[in-house]
C-alpha atoms as a PDB file:
ATOM      1  CA  UNK A   1     101.609 106.158  99.543  1.00  0.00           C
ATOM      2  CA  UNK A   2      99.166 103.270  99.235  1.00  0.00           C
ATOM      3  CA  UNK A   3     100.880 100.012  98.275  1.00  0.00           C
ATOM      4  CA  UNK A   4      98.467  97.848  96.325  1.00  0.00           C
ATOM      5  CA  UNK A   5      99.112  94.387  97.742  1.00  0.00           C
ATOM      6  CA  UNK A   6      98.529  91.588  95.264  1.00  0.00           C
ATOM      7  CA  UNK A   7      98.868  93.864  92.222  1.00  0.00           C
ATOM      8  CA  UNK A   8     101.391  92.440  89.729  1.00  0.00           C
ATOM      9  CA  UNK A   9     104.750  94.210  89.782  1.00  0.00           C
ATOM     10  CA  UNK A  10     105.354  93.891  86.059  1.00  0.00           C
ATOM     11  CA  UNK A  11     104.163  92.198  82.894  1.00  0.00           C
ATOM     12  CA  UNK A  12     105.295  88.569  83.228  1.00  0.00           C
ATOM     13  CA  UNK A  13     108.414  87.766  81.205  1.00  0.00           C
ATOM     14  CA  UNK A  14     109.215  91.428  80.460  1.00  0.00           C
ATOM     15  CA  UNK A  15     110.726  94.528  82.036  1.00  0.00           C
ATOM     16  CA  UNK A  16     107.472  96.512  81.725  1.00  0.00           C
ATOM     17  CA  UNK A  17     106.958  97.826  85.254  1.00  0.00           C
ATOM     18  CA  UNK A  18     103.465  98.208  86.778  1.00  0.00           C
ATOM     19  CA  UNK A  19     104.329  99.434  90.308  1.00  0.00           C
ATOM     20  CA  UNK A  20     107.075 101.417  92.026  1.00  0.00           C
ATOM     21  CA  UNK A  21     108.813 100.396  95.230  1.00  0.00           C
ATOM     22  CA  UNK A  22     108.831 103.658  97.133  1.00  0.00           C
ATOM     23  CA  UNK A  23     107.599 107.222  96.916  1.00  0.00           C
ATOM     24  CA  UNK A  24     109.897 109.790  95.332  1.00  0.00           C
ATOM     25  CA  UNK A  25     111.269 112.341  97.802  1.00  0.00           C
ATOM     26  CA  UNK A  26     110.373 115.206  95.468  1.00  0.00           C
ATOM     27  CA  UNK A  27     106.786 114.003  95.012  1.00  0.00           C
ATOM     28  CA  UNK A  28     104.796 111.902  92.581  1.00  0.00           C
ATOM     29  CA  UNK A  29     105.434 112.066  88.860  1.00  0.00           C
ATOM     30  CA  UNK A  30     102.691 114.029  87.114  1.00  0.00           C
ATOM     31  CA  UNK A  31     100.090 111.951  85.247  1.00  0.00           C
ATOM     32  CA  UNK A  32      99.635 113.145  81.672  1.00  0.00           C
ATOM     33  CA  UNK A  33      97.622 111.609  78.854  1.00  0.00           C
ATOM     34  CA  UNK A  34     100.072 110.127  76.345  1.00  0.00           C
ATOM     35  CA  UNK A  35      99.050 109.657  72.740  1.00  0.00           C
ATOM     36  CA  UNK A  36      98.976 106.006  71.644  1.00  0.00           C
ATOM     37  CA  UNK A  37      99.860 105.952  67.973  1.00  0.00           C
ATOM     38  CA  UNK A  38      98.869 103.079  65.677  1.00  0.00           C
ATOM     39  CA  UNK A  39     102.521 102.204  64.964  1.00  0.00           C
ATOM     40  CA  UNK A  40     103.435 101.377  68.585  1.00  0.00           C
ATOM     41  CA  UNK A  41     105.458  98.213  69.106  1.00  0.00           C
ATOM     42  CA  UNK A  42     103.486  95.015  69.810  1.00  0.00           C
ATOM     43  CA  UNK A  43     105.311  94.634  73.147  1.00  0.00           C
ATOM     44  CA  UNK A  44     104.090  98.081  74.240  1.00  0.00           C
ATOM     45  CA  UNK A  45     100.536  97.158  73.267  1.00  0.00           C
ATOM     46  CA  UNK A  46     100.774  93.928  75.294  1.00  0.00           C
ATOM     47  CA  UNK A  47     102.020  95.930  78.287  1.00  0.00           C
ATOM     48  CA  UNK A  48      99.031  98.296  78.034  1.00  0.00           C
ATOM     49  CA  UNK A  49      96.636  95.356  77.769  1.00  0.00           C
ATOM     50  CA  UNK A  50      98.291  93.519  80.670  1.00  0.00           C
ATOM     51  CA  UNK A  51      98.182  96.614  82.866  1.00  0.00           C
ATOM     52  CA  UNK A  52      94.518  97.229  82.009  1.00  0.00           C
ATOM     53  CA  UNK A  53      93.691  93.585  82.777  1.00  0.00           C
ATOM     54  CA  UNK A  54      95.423  93.929  86.170  1.00  0.00           C
ATOM     55  CA  UNK A  55      93.530  97.157  86.953  1.00  0.00           C
ATOM     56  CA  UNK A  56      90.187  95.561  86.099  1.00  0.00           C
ATOM     57  CA  UNK A  57      90.952  92.383  88.045  1.00  0.00           C
ATOM     58  CA  UNK A  58      92.168  94.294  91.104  1.00  0.00           C
ATOM     59  CA  UNK A  59      89.769  97.278  91.214  1.00  0.00           C
ATOM     60  CA  UNK A  60      86.929  96.703  88.744  1.00  0.00           C
ATOM     61  CA  UNK A  61      84.860  99.882  88.372  1.00  0.00           C
ATOM     62  CA  UNK A  62      85.527 101.074  91.933  1.00  0.00           C
ATOM     63  CA  UNK A  63      87.622 104.219  92.546  1.00  0.00           C
ATOM     64  CA  UNK A  64      91.189 103.513  93.661  1.00  0.00           C
ATOM     65  CA  UNK A  65      94.164 105.488  94.937  1.00  0.00           C
ATOM     66  CA  UNK A  66      97.036 106.005  92.546  1.00  0.00           C
ATOM     67  CA  UNK A  67      99.437 104.850  95.269  1.00  0.00           C
ATOM     68  CA  UNK A  68     102.398 102.853  94.009  1.00  0.00           C
ATOM     69  CA  UNK A  69     101.080 102.361  90.459  1.00  0.00           C
ATOM     70  CA  UNK A  70     103.684 103.393  87.881  1.00  0.00           C
ATOM     71  CA  UNK A  71     103.026 106.883  86.485  1.00  0.00           C
ATOM     72  CA  UNK A  72     104.480 106.055  83.076  1.00  0.00           C
ATOM     73  CA  UNK A  73     102.256 103.015  82.619  1.00  0.00           C
ATOM     74  CA  UNK A  74      99.199 104.895  83.952  1.00  0.00           C
ATOM     75  CA  UNK A  75      99.862 107.798  81.583  1.00  0.00           C
ATOM     76  CA  UNK A  76      99.390 105.546  78.539  1.00  0.00           C
ATOM     77  CA  UNK A  77      95.802 104.911  79.738  1.00  0.00           C
ATOM     78  CA  UNK A  78      95.088 108.194  81.572  1.00  0.00           C
ATOM     79  CA  UNK A  79      92.332 110.361  80.141  1.00  0.00           C
ATOM     80  CA  UNK A  80      90.820 107.478  78.188  1.00  0.00           C
ATOM     81  CA  UNK A  81      90.442 104.130  79.971  1.00  0.00           C
ATOM     82  CA  UNK A  82      91.608 105.472  83.355  1.00  0.00           C
ATOM     83  CA  UNK A  83      89.949 108.716  84.446  1.00  0.00           C
ATOM     84  CA  UNK A  84      89.967 110.908  87.564  1.00  0.00           C
ATOM     85  CA  UNK A  85      87.427 109.844  90.187  1.00  0.00           C
ATOM     86  CA  UNK A  86      87.473 113.138  92.104  1.00  0.00           C
ATOM     87  CA  UNK A  87      87.151 116.819  91.432  1.00  0.00           C
ATOM     88  CA  UNK A  88      89.479 118.642  91.811  1.00  0.00           C
ATOM     89  CA  UNK A  89      92.042 116.086  90.667  1.00  0.00           C
ATOM     90  CA  UNK A  90      95.725 116.434  91.567  1.00  0.00           C
ATOM     91  CA  UNK A  91      97.836 114.655  88.912  1.00  0.00           C
ATOM     92  CA  UNK A  92     100.921 114.917  91.151  1.00  0.00           C
ATOM     93  CA  UNK A  93      99.502 113.165  94.229  1.00  0.00           C
ATOM     94  CA  UNK A  94      99.939 109.566  95.325  1.00  0.00           C
ATOM     95  CA  UNK A  95      96.543 109.928  97.063  1.00  0.00           C
ATOM     96  CA  UNK A  96      94.659 110.944  93.884  1.00  0.00           C
ATOM     97  CA  UNK A  97      91.591 108.819  93.144  1.00  0.00           C
ATOM     98  CA  UNK A  98      91.214 107.182  89.732  1.00  0.00           C
ATOM     99  CA  UNK A  99      88.743 104.746  88.210  1.00  0.00           C
ATOM    100  CA  UNK A 100      88.543 102.529  85.141  1.00  0.00           C
ATOM    101  CA  UNK A 101      86.071 103.714  82.495  1.00  0.00           C
ATOM    102  CA  UNK A 102      84.766 100.259  81.591  1.00  0.00           C
ATOM    103  CA  UNK A 103      83.007 101.395  78.428  1.00  0.00           C
ATOM    104  CA  UNK A 104      86.220 102.871  77.004  1.00  0.00           C
ATOM    105  CA  UNK A 105      88.222  99.869  78.217  1.00  0.00           C
ATOM    106  CA  UNK A 106      85.870  97.493  76.382  1.00  0.00           C
ATOM    107  CA  UNK A 107      86.280  99.519  73.199  1.00  0.00           C
ATOM    108  CA  UNK A 108      90.085  99.783  73.439  1.00  0.00           C
ATOM    109  CA  UNK A 109      90.795  96.261  74.760  1.00  0.00           C
ATOM    110  CA  UNK A 110      87.989  93.993  73.476  1.00  0.00           C
ATOM    111  CA  UNK A 111      90.058  90.815  74.014  1.00  0.00           C
ATOM    112  CA  UNK A 112      89.850  91.366  77.793  1.00  0.00           C
ATOM    113  CA  UNK A 113      86.072  91.018  77.737  1.00  0.00           C
ATOM    114  CA  UNK A 114      85.588  87.915  75.597  1.00  0.00           C
END
């Protein structure tokens, strides 16, 4: 499992986790696209924005390995702002390649691009 050195471990001042410490013995948690409803808590929205800002700062538009990035946090962005960068894509692999869809990210998180 790739450990992304320099990537923030969590959203500062909160318990919203961005990375995991070690690989699960039974394998990686499956990435699934989670629906973001309009009535989500402001703290959850800040966590999504903070995670997206960290992804853009660390990887930009380049493909990256899923590695130790938290599956729960990735799933809130997966299928929209974060998309598979390989075909076939294995959603249960720590080695799976992802990339940030900058156009969708700009639409969903305009404050990051001001």
